[in-house]
Amino acid sequence: MGTVYQWIQNLSVWLVLSAVILHLVPGKDYGKYVRFFSGMVLLLLFLEPMLKLTGTDGMITKLYEGNLAKEDQAEKELLQKLYESADLTEILSEEYQTSEEGADEKSQKKVSETQAVEVEEIRIE
């Protein structure tokens, strides 16, 4: 019986919330989109008990998460291809493009001097 009350509470809260949002939206242009979205959510709220009874409530979530994972993987592959095909020498400044050993040693020495840590005393207790 508690689940029925919870279901009715969810429906009533959503109806009140969607009415408030509909009144806060400026103009009638956006009102039709808000009504469409709230209608879709209301439809899902009405179907929720039937989905729980049939055991398909978690299936929708799994399908959605599976599609998100596929999209993420495709985006990562596209970014990897773009990264591999990019010519990074055009982006880097001339300081980093030099391949002379002397310039490389100078930059390493400069980095080591700026990041040097001097230890005055070490105590072991």
PDB file of N, CA and C in Angstrom:
ATOM      1  N   MET A   1       0.808  -1.188   0.000  1.00  0.00           N
ATOM      2  CA  MET A   1       0.000   0.000   0.000  1.00  0.00           C
ATOM      3  C   MET A   1       0.863   1.269   0.000  1.00  0.00           C
ATOM      4  N   GLY A   2       2.052   1.153   0.627  1.00  0.00           N
ATOM      5  CA  GLY A   2       2.967   2.291   0.672  1.00  0.00           C
ATOM      6  C   GLY A   2       3.480   2.675  -0.708  1.00  0.00           C
ATOM      7  N   THR A   3       3.624   1.692  -1.583  1.00  0.00           N
ATOM      8  CA  THR A   3       4.102   1.999  -2.933  1.00  0.00           C
ATOM      9  C   THR A   3       3.057   2.773  -3.719  1.00  0.00           C
ATOM     10  N   VAL A   4       1.783   2.502  -3.485  1.00  0.00           N
ATOM     11  CA  VAL A   4       0.720   3.246  -4.171  1.00  0.00           C
ATOM     12  C   VAL A   4       0.731   4.697  -3.724  1.00  0.00           C
ATOM     13  N   TYR A   5       0.891   4.899  -2.405  1.00  0.00           N
ATOM     14  CA  TYR A   5       0.969   6.274  -1.901  1.00  0.00           C
ATOM     15  C   TYR A   5       2.199   7.000  -2.449  1.00  0.00           C
ATOM     16  N   GLN A   6       3.300   6.311  -2.536  1.00  0.00           N
ATOM     17  CA  GLN A   6       4.519   6.900  -3.088  1.00  0.00           C
ATOM     18  C   GLN A   6       4.309   7.269  -4.553  1.00  0.00           C
ATOM     19  N   TRP A   7       3.648   6.408  -5.294  1.00  0.00           N
ATOM     20  CA  TRP A   7       3.385   6.664  -6.707  1.00  0.00           C
ATOM     21  C   TRP A   7       2.479   7.884  -6.874  1.00  0.00           C
ATOM     22  N   ILE A   8       1.426   7.959  -6.062  1.00  0.00           N
ATOM     23  CA  ILE A   8       0.515   9.111  -6.121  1.00  0.00           C
ATOM     24  C   ILE A   8       1.239  10.388  -5.705  1.00  0.00           C
ATOM     25  N   GLN A   9       2.108  10.280  -4.721  1.00  0.00           N
ATOM     26  CA  GLN A   9       2.883  11.444  -4.289  1.00  0.00           C
ATOM     27  C   GLN A   9       3.809  11.912  -5.403  1.00  0.00           C
ATOM     28  N   ASN A  10       4.481  10.998  -6.082  1.00  0.00           N
ATOM     29  CA  ASN A  10       5.359  11.368  -7.195  1.00  0.00           C
ATOM     30  C   ASN A  10       4.570  12.069  -8.297  1.00  0.00           C
ATOM     31  N   LEU A  11       3.414  11.533  -8.626  1.00  0.00           N
ATOM     32  CA  LEU A  11       2.580  12.153  -9.664  1.00  0.00           C
ATOM     33  C   LEU A  11       2.145  13.556  -9.270  1.00  0.00           C
ATOM     34  N   SER A  12       1.684  13.712  -8.035  1.00  0.00           N
ATOM     35  CA  SER A  12       1.198  15.023  -7.605  1.00  0.00           C
ATOM     36  C   SER A  12       2.318  16.044  -7.530  1.00  0.00           C
ATOM     37  N   VAL A  13       3.488  15.641  -7.044  1.00  0.00           N
ATOM     38  CA  VAL A  13       4.631  16.558  -6.986  1.00  0.00           C
ATOM     39  C   VAL A  13       5.035  16.973  -8.394  1.00  0.00           C
ATOM     40  N   TRP A  14       5.052  16.033  -9.328  1.00  0.00           N
ATOM     41  CA  TRP A  14       5.434  16.372 -10.692  1.00  0.00           C
ATOM     42  C   TRP A  14       4.418  17.309 -11.336  1.00  0.00           C
ATOM     43  N   LEU A  15       3.137  17.076 -11.107  1.00  0.00           N
ATOM     44  CA  LEU A  15       2.115  17.951 -11.683  1.00  0.00           C
ATOM     45  C   LEU A  15       2.232  19.372 -11.143  1.00  0.00           C
ATOM     46  N   VAL A  16       2.446  19.516  -9.848  1.00  0.00           N
ATOM     47  CA  VAL A  16       2.609  20.845  -9.255  1.00  0.00           C
ATOM     48  C   VAL A  16       3.876  21.505  -9.775  1.00  0.00           C
ATOM     49  N   LEU A  17       4.963  20.752  -9.823  1.00  0.00           N
ATOM     50  CA  LEU A  17       6.233  21.291 -10.299  1.00  0.00           C
ATOM     51  C   LEU A  17       6.148  21.715 -11.763  1.00  0.00           C
ATOM     52  N   SER A  18       5.520  20.911 -12.600  1.00  0.00           N
ATOM     53  CA  SER A  18       5.404  21.273 -14.016  1.00  0.00           C
ATOM     54  C   SER A  18       4.497  22.486 -14.201  1.00  0.00           C
ATOM     55  N   ALA A  19       3.459  22.629 -13.363  1.00  0.00           N
ATOM     56  CA  ALA A  19       2.604  23.814 -13.445  1.00  0.00           C
ATOM     57  C   ALA A  19       3.381  25.070 -13.058  1.00  0.00           C
ATOM     58  N   VAL A  20       4.212  24.970 -12.032  1.00  0.00           N
ATOM     59  CA  VAL A  20       5.030  26.113 -11.615  1.00  0.00           C
ATOM     60  C   VAL A  20       6.013  26.481 -12.718  1.00  0.00           C
ATOM     61  N   ILE A  21       6.654  25.509 -13.292  1.00  0.00           N
ATOM     62  CA  ILE A  21       7.625  25.774 -14.366  1.00  0.00           C
ATOM     63  C   ILE A  21       6.923  26.391 -15.569  1.00  0.00           C
ATOM     64  N   LEU A  22       5.741  25.909 -15.894  1.00  0.00           N
ATOM     65  CA  LEU A  22       4.988  26.431 -17.032  1.00  0.00           C
ATOM     66  C   LEU A  22       4.621  27.895 -16.819  1.00  0.00           C
ATOM     67  N   HIS A  23       4.312  28.268 -15.588  1.00  0.00           N
ATOM     68  CA  HIS A  23       3.977  29.663 -15.308  1.00  0.00           C
ATOM     69  C   HIS A  23       5.209  30.554 -15.248  1.00  0.00           C
ATOM     70  N   LEU A  24       6.366  29.978 -14.971  1.00  0.00           N
ATOM     71  CA  LEU A  24       7.597  30.771 -14.899  1.00  0.00           C
ATOM     72  C   LEU A  24       8.242  30.992 -16.256  1.00  0.00           C
ATOM     73  N   VAL A  25       7.890  30.181 -17.240  1.00  0.00           N
ATOM     74  CA  VAL A  25       8.499  30.289 -18.562  1.00  0.00           C
ATOM     75  C   VAL A  25       7.975  31.543 -19.250  1.00  0.00           C
ATOM     76  N   PRO A  26       8.893  32.390 -19.743  1.00  0.00           N
ATOM     77  CA  PRO A  26       8.444  33.619 -20.414  1.00  0.00           C
ATOM     78  C   PRO A  26       7.913  33.327 -21.821  1.00  0.00           C
ATOM     79  N   GLY A  27       6.783  33.887 -22.134  1.00  0.00           N
ATOM     80  CA  GLY A  27       6.214  33.766 -23.469  1.00  0.00           C
ATOM     81  C   GLY A  27       5.608  32.410 -23.732  1.00  0.00           C
ATOM     82  N   LYS A  28       4.866  32.324 -24.836  1.00  0.00           N
ATOM     83  CA  LYS A  28       4.206  31.078 -25.194  1.00  0.00           C
ATOM     84  C   LYS A  28       5.083  30.196 -26.073  1.00  0.00           C
ATOM     85  N   ASP A  29       6.173  30.738 -26.567  1.00  0.00           N
ATOM     86  CA  ASP A  29       7.044  29.961 -27.455  1.00  0.00           C
ATOM     87  C   ASP A  29       7.662  28.763 -26.739  1.00  0.00           C
ATOM     88  N   TYR A  30       8.095  28.968 -25.523  1.00  0.00           N
ATOM     89  CA  TYR A  30       8.735  27.887 -24.778  1.00  0.00           C
ATOM     90  C   TYR A  30       7.720  26.998 -24.064  1.00  0.00           C
ATOM     91  N   GLY A  31       6.501  27.471 -23.919  1.00  0.00           N
ATOM     92  CA  GLY A  31       5.474  26.724 -23.203  1.00  0.00           C
ATOM     93  C   GLY A  31       5.187  25.375 -23.828  1.00  0.00           C
ATOM     94  N   LYS A  32       5.188  25.333 -25.163  1.00  0.00           N
ATOM     95  CA  LYS A  32       4.888  24.050 -25.820  1.00  0.00           C
ATOM     96  C   LYS A  32       5.999  23.033 -25.566  1.00  0.00           C
ATOM     97  N   TYR A  33       7.249  23.488 -25.452  1.00  0.00           N
ATOM     98  CA  TYR A  33       8.353  22.569 -25.164  1.00  0.00           C
ATOM     99  C   TYR A  33       8.279  22.068 -23.723  1.00  0.00           C
ATOM    100  N   VAL A  34       7.934  22.955 -22.814  1.00  0.00           N
ATOM    101  CA  VAL A  34       7.802  22.567 -21.414  1.00  0.00           C
ATOM    102  C   VAL A  34       6.657  21.573 -21.265  1.00  0.00           C
ATOM    103  N   ARG A  35       5.519  21.827 -21.957  1.00  0.00           N
ATOM    104  CA  ARG A  35       4.389  20.900 -21.890  1.00  0.00           C
ATOM    105  C   ARG A  35       4.753  19.542 -22.478  1.00  0.00           C
ATOM    106  N   PHE A  36       5.515  19.551 -23.569  1.00  0.00           N
ATOM    107  CA  PHE A  36       5.930  18.289 -24.186  1.00  0.00           C
ATOM    108  C   PHE A  36       6.810  17.488 -23.232  1.00  0.00           C
ATOM    109  N   PHE A  37       7.808  18.162 -22.669  1.00  0.00           N
ATOM    110  CA  PHE A  37       8.722  17.482 -21.749  1.00  0.00           C
ATOM    111  C   PHE A  37       7.986  16.984 -20.515  1.00  0.00           C
ATOM    112  N   SER A  38       7.135  17.825 -19.932  1.00  0.00           N
ATOM    113  CA  SER A  38       6.418  17.402 -18.726  1.00  0.00           C
ATOM    114  C   SER A  38       5.447  16.271 -19.047  1.00  0.00           C
ATOM    115  N   GLY A  39       4.891  16.256 -20.253  1.00  0.00           N
ATOM    116  CA  GLY A  39       4.025  15.152 -20.654  1.00  0.00           C
ATOM    117  C   GLY A  39       4.785  13.843 -20.762  1.00  0.00           C
ATOM    118  N   MET A  40       6.010  13.903 -21.290  1.00  0.00           N
ATOM    119  CA  MET A  40       6.834  12.695 -21.388  1.00  0.00           C
ATOM    120  C   MET A  40       7.184  12.153 -20.005  1.00  0.00           C
ATOM    121  N   VAL A  41       7.553  13.044 -19.100  1.00  0.00           N
ATOM    122  CA  VAL A  41       7.885  12.607 -17.742  1.00  0.00           C
ATOM    123  C   VAL A  41       6.642  12.058 -17.050  1.00  0.00           C
ATOM    124  N   LEU A  42       5.502  12.704 -17.265  1.00  0.00           N
ATOM    125  CA  LEU A  42       4.256  12.228 -16.677  1.00  0.00           C
ATOM    126  C   LEU A  42       3.898  10.845 -17.204  1.00  0.00           C
ATOM    127  N   LEU A  43       4.123  10.619 -18.479  1.00  0.00           N
ATOM    128  CA  LEU A  43       3.874   9.301 -19.064  1.00  0.00           C
ATOM    129  C   LEU A  43       4.760   8.239 -18.408  1.00  0.00           C
ATOM    130  N   LEU A  44       6.032   8.562 -18.194  1.00  0.00           N
ATOM    131  CA  LEU A  44       6.930   7.624 -17.518  1.00  0.00           C
ATOM    132  C   LEU A  44       6.502   7.377 -16.075  1.00  0.00           C
ATOM    133  N   LEU A  45       6.007   8.422 -15.416  1.00  0.00           N
ATOM    134  CA  LEU A  45       5.540   8.243 -14.046  1.00  0.00           C
ATOM    135  C   LEU A  45       4.305   7.346 -13.998  1.00  0.00           C
ATOM    136  N   PHE A  46       3.428   7.469 -14.994  1.00  0.00           N
ATOM    137  CA  PHE A  46       2.250   6.595 -15.035  1.00  0.00           C
ATOM    138  C   PHE A  46       2.641   5.141 -15.319  1.00  0.00           C
ATOM    139  N   LEU A  47       3.670   4.967 -16.142  1.00  0.00           N
ATOM    140  CA  LEU A  47       4.072   3.609 -16.514  1.00  0.00           C
ATOM    141  C   LEU A  47       4.978   2.942 -15.483  1.00  0.00           C
ATOM    142  N   GLU A  48       5.458   3.697 -14.533  1.00  0.00           N
ATOM    143  CA  GLU A  48       6.415   3.176 -13.556  1.00  0.00           C
ATOM    144  C   GLU A  48       5.921   1.927 -12.818  1.00  0.00           C
ATOM    145  N   PRO A  49       4.693   1.895 -12.301  1.00  0.00           N
ATOM    146  CA  PRO A  49       4.252   0.676 -11.597  1.00  0.00           C
ATOM    147  C   PRO A  49       4.195  -0.552 -12.515  1.00  0.00           C
ATOM    148  N   MET A  50       3.759  -0.358 -13.741  1.00  0.00           N
ATOM    149  CA  MET A  50       3.697  -1.498 -14.668  1.00  0.00           C
ATOM    150  C   MET A  50       5.092  -1.989 -15.035  1.00  0.00           C
ATOM    151  N   LEU A  51       6.033  -1.063 -15.168  1.00  0.00           N
ATOM    152  CA  LEU A  51       7.407  -1.457 -15.478  1.00  0.00           C
ATOM    153  C   LEU A  51       8.028  -2.220 -14.312  1.00  0.00           C
ATOM    154  N   LYS A  52       7.702  -1.816 -13.104  1.00  0.00           N
ATOM    155  CA  LYS A  52       8.230  -2.535 -11.937  1.00  0.00           C
ATOM    156  C   LYS A  52       7.632  -3.933 -11.833  1.00  0.00           C
ATOM    157  N   LEU A  53       6.351  -4.056 -12.161  1.00  0.00           N
ATOM    158  CA  LEU A  53       5.706  -5.367 -12.095  1.00  0.00           C
ATOM    159  C   LEU A  53       6.278  -6.341 -13.123  1.00  0.00           C
ATOM    160  N   THR A  54       6.592  -5.832 -14.313  1.00  0.00           N
ATOM    161  CA  THR A  54       7.133  -6.699 -15.363  1.00  0.00           C
ATOM    162  C   THR A  54       8.637  -6.875 -15.242  1.00  0.00           C
ATOM    163  N   GLY A  55       9.278  -6.080 -14.398  1.00  0.00           N
ATOM    164  CA  GLY A  55      10.723  -6.211 -14.216  1.00  0.00           C
ATOM    165  C   GLY A  55      11.551  -5.519 -15.281  1.00  0.00           C
ATOM    166  N   THR A  56      10.944  -4.639 -16.052  1.00  0.00           N
ATOM    167  CA  THR A  56      11.682  -3.956 -17.120  1.00  0.00           C
ATOM    168  C   THR A  56      12.095  -2.544 -16.720  1.00  0.00           C
ATOM    169  N   ASP A  57      11.919  -2.165 -15.470  1.00  0.00           N
ATOM    170  CA  ASP A  57      12.285  -0.814 -15.055  1.00  0.00           C
ATOM    171  C   ASP A  57      13.789  -0.584 -15.126  1.00  0.00           C
ATOM    172  N   GLY A  58      14.589  -1.577 -14.792  1.00  0.00           N
ATOM    173  CA  GLY A  58      16.042  -1.437 -14.873  1.00  0.00           C
ATOM    174  C   GLY A  58      16.576  -1.598 -16.279  1.00  0.00           C
ATOM    175  N   MET A  59      15.800  -2.214 -17.157  1.00  0.00           N
ATOM    176  CA  MET A  59      16.255  -2.442 -18.520  1.00  0.00           C
ATOM    177  C   MET A  59      16.404  -1.130 -19.294  1.00  0.00           C
ATOM    178  N   ILE A  60      15.502  -0.191 -19.060  1.00  0.00           N
ATOM    179  CA  ILE A  60      15.570   1.100 -19.745  1.00  0.00           C
ATOM    180  C   ILE A  60      16.842   1.831 -19.338  1.00  0.00           C
ATOM    181  N   THR A  61      17.150   1.785 -18.055  1.00  0.00           N
ATOM    182  CA  THR A  61      18.364   2.430 -17.559  1.00  0.00           C
ATOM    183  C   THR A  61      19.606   1.783 -18.158  1.00  0.00           C
ATOM    184  N   LYS A  62      19.623   0.471 -18.236  1.00  0.00           N
ATOM    185  CA  LYS A  62      20.773  -0.230 -18.806  1.00  0.00           C
ATOM    186  C   LYS A  62      20.954   0.099 -20.282  1.00  0.00           C
ATOM    187  N   LEU A  63      19.849   0.184 -21.021  1.00  0.00           N
ATOM    188  CA  LEU A  63      19.933   0.540 -22.436  1.00  0.00           C
ATOM    189  C   LEU A  63      20.476   1.950 -22.612  1.00  0.00           C
ATOM    190  N   TYR A  64      20.002   2.864 -21.784  1.00  0.00           N
ATOM    191  CA  TYR A  64      20.461   4.250 -21.856  1.00  0.00           C
ATOM    192  C   TYR A  64      21.945   4.341 -21.530  1.00  0.00           C
ATOM    193  N   GLU A  65      22.370   3.673 -20.468  1.00  0.00           N
ATOM    194  CA  GLU A  65      23.783   3.707 -20.081  1.00  0.00           C
ATOM    195  C   GLU A  65      24.653   3.029 -21.135  1.00  0.00           C
ATOM    196  N   GLY A  66      24.142   1.971 -21.769  1.00  0.00           N
ATOM    197  CA  GLY A  66      24.891   1.301 -22.832  1.00  0.00           C
ATOM    198  C   GLY A  66      25.097   2.215 -24.025  1.00  0.00           C
ATOM    199  N   ASN A  67      24.080   2.981 -24.385  1.00  0.00           N
ATOM    200  CA  ASN A  67      24.214   3.924 -25.490  1.00  0.00           C
ATOM    201  C   ASN A  67      25.192   5.035 -25.148  1.00  0.00           C
ATOM    202  N   LEU A  68      25.166   5.497 -23.895  1.00  0.00           N
ATOM    203  CA  LEU A  68      26.126   6.524 -23.487  1.00  0.00           C
ATOM    204  C   LEU A  68      27.559   6.002 -23.570  1.00  0.00           C
ATOM    205  N   ALA A  69      27.768   4.769 -23.165  1.00  0.00           N
ATOM    206  CA  ALA A  69      29.106   4.185 -23.221  1.00  0.00           C
ATOM    207  C   ALA A  69      29.583   4.068 -24.667  1.00  0.00           C
ATOM    208  N   LYS A  70      28.692   3.682 -25.574  1.00  0.00           N
ATOM    209  CA  LYS A  70      29.067   3.583 -26.989  1.00  0.00           C
ATOM    210  C   LYS A  70      29.425   4.951 -27.554  1.00  0.00           C
ATOM    211  N   GLU A  71      28.642   5.974 -27.198  1.00  0.00           N
ATOM    212  CA  GLU A  71      28.932   7.325 -27.674  1.00  0.00           C
ATOM    213  C   GLU A  71      30.265   7.821 -27.132  1.00  0.00           C
ATOM    214  N   ASP A  72      30.540   7.555 -25.866  1.00  0.00           N
ATOM    215  CA  ASP A  72      31.813   7.963 -25.269  1.00  0.00           C
ATOM    216  C   ASP A  72      32.986   7.277 -25.961  1.00  0.00           C
ATOM    217  N   GLN A  73      32.845   6.002 -26.247  1.00  0.00           N
ATOM    218  CA  GLN A  73      33.911   5.256 -26.914  1.00  0.00           C
ATOM    219  C   GLN A  73      34.149   5.809 -28.313  1.00  0.00           C
ATOM    220  N   ALA A  74      33.084   6.117 -29.043  1.00  0.00           N
ATOM    221  CA  ALA A  74      33.227   6.666 -30.393  1.00  0.00           C
ATOM    222  C   ALA A  74      33.900   8.030 -30.345  1.00  0.00           C
ATOM    223  N   GLU A  75      33.556   8.839 -29.353  1.00  0.00           N
ATOM    224  CA  GLU A  75      34.172  10.153 -29.222  1.00  0.00           C
ATOM    225  C   GLU A  75      35.660  10.028 -28.885  1.00  0.00           C
ATOM    226  N   LYS A  76      36.007   9.080 -28.006  1.00  0.00           N
ATOM    227  CA  LYS A  76      37.416   8.869 -27.665  1.00  0.00           C
ATOM    228  C   LYS A  76      38.213   8.419 -28.880  1.00  0.00           C
ATOM    229  N   GLU A  77      37.643   7.530 -29.703  1.00  0.00           N
ATOM    230  CA  GLU A  77      38.333   7.066 -30.901  1.00  0.00           C
ATOM    231  C   GLU A  77      38.532   8.206 -31.891  1.00  0.00           C
ATOM    232  N   LEU A  78      37.525   9.061 -32.035  1.00  0.00           N
ATOM    233  CA  LEU A  78      37.647  10.207 -32.937  1.00  0.00           C
ATOM    234  C   LEU A  78      38.728  11.160 -32.462  1.00  0.00           C
ATOM    235  N   LEU A  79      38.753  11.442 -31.166  1.00  0.00           N
ATOM    236  CA  LEU A  79      39.787  12.329 -30.622  1.00  0.00           C
ATOM    237  C   LEU A  79      41.178  11.729 -30.769  1.00  0.00           C
ATOM    238  N   GLN A  80      41.288  10.419 -30.603  1.00  0.00           N
ATOM    239  CA  GLN A  80      42.577   9.750 -30.777  1.00  0.00           C
ATOM    240  C   GLN A  80      43.057   9.874 -32.215  1.00  0.00           C
ATOM    241  N   LYS A  81      42.153   9.684 -33.178  1.00  0.00           N
ATOM    242  CA  LYS A  81      42.520   9.829 -34.590  1.00  0.00           C
ATOM    243  C   LYS A  81      42.938  11.250 -34.908  1.00  0.00           C
ATOM    244  N   LEU A  82      42.209  12.232 -34.363  1.00  0.00           N
ATOM    245  CA  LEU A  82      42.566  13.628 -34.582  1.00  0.00           C
ATOM    246  C   LEU A  82      43.920  13.953 -33.981  1.00  0.00           C
ATOM    247  N   TYR A  83      44.184  13.411 -32.805  1.00  0.00           N
ATOM    248  CA  TYR A  83      45.461  13.649 -32.147  1.00  0.00           C
ATOM    249  C   TYR A  83      46.611  13.037 -32.943  1.00  0.00           C
ATOM    250  N   GLU A  84      46.403  11.829 -33.445  1.00  0.00           N
ATOM    251  CA  GLU A  84      47.460  11.161 -34.204  1.00  0.00           C
ATOM    252  C   GLU A  84      47.718  11.840 -35.533  1.00  0.00           C
ATOM    253  N   SER A  85      46.688  12.417 -36.139  1.00  0.00           N
ATOM    254  CA  SER A  85      46.869  13.045 -37.447  1.00  0.00           C
ATOM    255  C   SER A  85      47.317  14.496 -37.339  1.00  0.00           C
ATOM    256  N   ALA A  86      47.301  15.079 -36.154  1.00  0.00           N
ATOM    257  CA  ALA A  86      47.665  16.484 -35.991  1.00  0.00           C
ATOM    258  C   ALA A  86      49.181  16.658 -36.075  1.00  0.00           C
ATOM    259  N   ASP A  87      49.598  17.764 -36.699  1.00  0.00           N
ATOM    260  CA  ASP A  87      51.010  18.111 -36.777  1.00  0.00           C
ATOM    261  C   ASP A  87      51.292  19.119 -35.674  1.00  0.00           C
ATOM    262  N   LEU A  88      51.887  18.653 -34.591  1.00  0.00           N
ATOM    263  CA  LEU A  88      52.076  19.491 -33.420  1.00  0.00           C
ATOM    264  C   LEU A  88      53.252  20.454 -33.554  1.00  0.00           C
ATOM    265  N   THR A  89      54.096  20.269 -34.558  1.00  0.00           N
ATOM    266  CA  THR A  89      55.241  21.174 -34.711  1.00  0.00           C
ATOM    267  C   THR A  89      54.794  22.571 -35.099  1.00  0.00           C
ATOM    268  N   GLU A  90      53.640  22.717 -35.715  1.00  0.00           N
ATOM    269  CA  GLU A  90      53.146  24.042 -36.065  1.00  0.00           C
ATOM    270  C   GLU A  90      52.684  24.804 -34.835  1.00  0.00           C
ATOM    271  N   ILE A  91      52.252  24.097 -33.824  1.00  0.00           N
ATOM    272  CA  ILE A  91      51.716  24.723 -32.625  1.00  0.00           C
ATOM    273  C   ILE A  91      52.830  25.122 -31.661  1.00  0.00           C
ATOM    274  N   LEU A  92      53.857  24.292 -31.550  1.00  0.00           N
ATOM    275  CA  LEU A  92      54.931  24.532 -30.591  1.00  0.00           C
ATOM    276  C   LEU A  92      55.781  25.714 -31.004  1.00  0.00           C
ATOM    277  N   SER A  93      56.292  26.439 -30.028  1.00  0.00           N
ATOM    278  CA  SER A  93      57.175  27.557 -30.332  1.00  0.00           C
ATOM    279  C   SER A  93      58.543  27.020 -30.745  1.00  0.00           C
ATOM    280  N   GLU A  94      59.363  27.892 -31.303  1.00  0.00           N
ATOM    281  CA  GLU A  94      60.668  27.475 -31.815  1.00  0.00           C
ATOM    282  C   GLU A  94      61.573  26.964 -30.695  1.00  0.00           C
ATOM    283  N   GLU A  95      61.394  27.454 -29.499  1.00  0.00           N
ATOM    284  CA  GLU A  95      62.218  27.037 -28.374  1.00  0.00           C
ATOM    285  C   GLU A  95      62.101  25.536 -28.137  1.00  0.00           C
ATOM    286  N   TYR A  96      60.915  24.983 -28.318  1.00  0.00           N
ATOM    287  CA  TYR A  96      60.697  23.575 -28.069  1.00  0.00           C
ATOM    288  C   TYR A  96      60.957  22.717 -29.296  1.00  0.00           C
ATOM    289  N   GLN A  97      61.076  23.341 -30.471  1.00  0.00           N
ATOM    290  CA  GLN A  97      61.269  22.574 -31.689  1.00  0.00           C
ATOM    291  C   GLN A  97      62.736  22.273 -31.970  1.00  0.00           C
ATOM    292  N   THR A  98      63.660  22.973 -31.315  1.00  0.00           N
ATOM    293  CA  THR A  98      65.076  22.740 -31.576  1.00  0.00           C
ATOM    294  C   THR A  98      65.467  21.365 -31.091  1.00  0.00           C
ATOM    295  N   SER A  99      66.233  20.692 -31.911  1.00  0.00           N
ATOM    296  CA  SER A  99      66.638  19.337 -31.534  1.00  0.00           C
ATOM    297  C   SER A  99      68.129  19.267 -31.245  1.00  0.00           C
ATOM    298  N   GLU A 100      68.770  20.419 -31.097  1.00  0.00           N
ATOM    299  CA  GLU A 100      70.195  20.421 -30.782  1.00  0.00           C
ATOM    300  C   GLU A 100      70.388  19.932 -29.355  1.00  0.00           C
ATOM    301  N   GLU A 101      71.476  19.198 -29.143  1.00  0.00           N
ATOM    302  CA  GLU A 101      71.719  18.652 -27.810  1.00  0.00           C
ATOM    303  C   GLU A 101      72.035  19.749 -26.810  1.00  0.00           C
ATOM    304  N   GLY A 102      72.707  20.779 -27.237  1.00  0.00           N
ATOM    305  CA  GLY A 102      73.059  21.869 -26.338  1.00  0.00           C
ATOM    306  C   GLY A 102      71.824  22.600 -25.844  1.00  0.00           C
ATOM    307  N   ALA A 103      70.892  22.846 -26.728  1.00  0.00           N
ATOM    308  CA  ALA A 103      69.663  23.532 -26.334  1.00  0.00           C
ATOM    309  C   ALA A 103      68.838  22.656 -25.399  1.00  0.00           C
ATOM    310  N   ASP A 104      68.847  21.370 -25.662  1.00  0.00           N
ATOM    311  CA  ASP A 104      68.091  20.442 -24.821  1.00  0.00           C
ATOM    312  C   ASP A 104      68.699  20.382 -23.419  1.00  0.00           C
ATOM    313  N   GLU A 105      70.036  20.349 -23.350  1.00  0.00           N
ATOM    314  CA  GLU A 105      70.703  20.321 -22.055  1.00  0.00           C
ATOM    315  C   GLU A 105      70.474  21.623 -21.299  1.00  0.00           C
ATOM    316  N   LYS A 106      70.461  22.756 -22.015  1.00  0.00           N
ATOM    317  CA  LYS A 106      70.221  24.045 -21.375  1.00  0.00           C
ATOM    318  C   LYS A 106      68.832  24.082 -20.750  1.00  0.00           C
ATOM    319  N   SER A 107      67.851  23.600 -21.489  1.00  0.00           N
ATOM    320  CA  SER A 107      66.487  23.638 -20.957  1.00  0.00           C
ATOM    321  C   SER A 107      66.350  22.705 -19.764  1.00  0.00           C
ATOM    322  N   GLN A 108      67.024  21.543 -19.802  1.00  0.00           N
ATOM    323  CA  GLN A 108      66.965  20.631 -18.662  1.00  0.00           C
ATOM    324  C   GLN A 108      67.656  21.229 -17.449  1.00  0.00           C
ATOM    325  N   LYS A 109      68.768  21.909 -17.670  1.00  0.00           N
ATOM    326  CA  LYS A 109      69.489  22.538 -16.568  1.00  0.00           C
ATOM    327  C   LYS A 109      68.651  23.661 -15.966  1.00  0.00           C
ATOM    328  N   LYS A 110      67.985  24.436 -16.836  1.00  0.00           N
ATOM    329  CA  LYS A 110      67.146  25.534 -16.366  1.00  0.00           C
ATOM    330  C   LYS A 110      65.993  24.996 -15.520  1.00  0.00           C
ATOM    331  N   VAL A 111      65.401  23.911 -15.943  1.00  0.00           N
ATOM    332  CA  VAL A 111      64.303  23.315 -15.186  1.00  0.00           C
ATOM    333  C   VAL A 111      64.805  22.780 -13.861  1.00  0.00           C
ATOM    334  N   SER A 112      65.962  22.116 -13.858  1.00  0.00           N
ATOM    335  CA  SER A 112      66.483  21.551 -12.616  1.00  0.00           C
ATOM    336  C   SER A 112      66.886  22.645 -11.634  1.00  0.00           C
ATOM    337  N   GLU A 113      67.375  23.792 -12.136  1.00  0.00           N
ATOM    338  CA  GLU A 113      67.734  24.890 -11.243  1.00  0.00           C
ATOM    339  C   GLU A 113      66.508  25.519 -10.602  1.00  0.00           C
ATOM    340  N   THR A 114      65.430  25.645 -11.360  1.00  0.00           N
ATOM    341  CA  THR A 114      64.235  26.279 -10.800  1.00  0.00           C
ATOM    342  C   THR A 114      63.483  25.344  -9.863  1.00  0.00           C
ATOM    343  N   GLN A 115      63.666  24.050 -10.020  1.00  0.00           N
ATOM    344  CA  GLN A 115      62.950  23.100  -9.188  1.00  0.00           C
ATOM    345  C   GLN A 115      63.851  22.471  -8.122  1.00  0.00           C
ATOM    346  N   ALA A 116      65.031  23.027  -7.900  1.00  0.00           N
ATOM    347  CA  ALA A 116      65.967  22.455  -6.942  1.00  0.00           C
ATOM    348  C   ALA A 116      65.465  22.671  -5.516  1.00  0.00           C
ATOM    349  N   VAL A 117      65.685  21.670  -4.698  1.00  0.00           N
ATOM    350  CA  VAL A 117      65.319  21.731  -3.291  1.00  0.00           C
ATOM    351  C   VAL A 117      66.593  21.487  -2.492  1.00  0.00           C
ATOM    352  N   GLU A 118      66.878  22.380  -1.579  1.00  0.00           N
ATOM    353  CA  GLU A 118      68.089  22.263  -0.779  1.00  0.00           C
ATOM    354  C   GLU A 118      67.690  21.765   0.612  1.00  0.00           C
ATOM    355  N   VAL A 119      68.317  20.684   1.049  1.00  0.00           N
ATOM    356  CA  VAL A 119      68.034  20.091   2.358  1.00  0.00           C
ATOM    357  C   VAL A 119      69.126  20.519   3.306  1.00  0.00           C
ATOM    358  N   GLU A 120      68.724  21.133   4.394  1.00  0.00           N
ATOM    359  CA  GLU A 120      69.715  21.605   5.371  1.00  0.00           C
ATOM    360  C   GLU A 120      70.027  20.549   6.431  1.00  0.00           C
ATOM    361  N   GLU A 121      69.012  19.824   6.871  1.00  0.00           N
ATOM    362  CA  GLU A 121      69.227  18.881   7.945  1.00  0.00           C
ATOM    363  C   GLU A 121      68.169  17.781   7.894  1.00  0.00           C
ATOM    364  N   ILE A 122      68.593  16.548   8.214  1.00  0.00           N
ATOM    365  CA  ILE A 122      67.676  15.417   8.265  1.00  0.00           C
ATOM    366  C   ILE A 122      67.808  14.775   9.641  1.00  0.00           C
ATOM    367  N   ARG A 123      66.678  14.585  10.316  1.00  0.00           N
ATOM    368  CA  ARG A 123      66.671  13.967  11.636  1.00  0.00           C
ATOM    369  C   ARG A 123      65.841  12.711  11.584  1.00  0.00           C
ATOM    370  N   ILE A 124      66.368  11.652  12.182  1.00  0.00           N
ATOM    371  CA  ILE A 124      65.625  10.407  12.294  1.00  0.00           C
ATOM    372  C   ILE A 124      65.435  10.118  13.772  1.00  0.00           C
ATOM    373  N   GLU A 125      64.193   9.996  14.154  1.00  0.00           N
ATOM    374  CA  GLU A 125      63.893   9.783  15.584  1.00  0.00           C
ATOM    375  C   GLU A 125      63.407   8.391  15.831  1.00  0.00           C
TER     376      GLU A 125
END
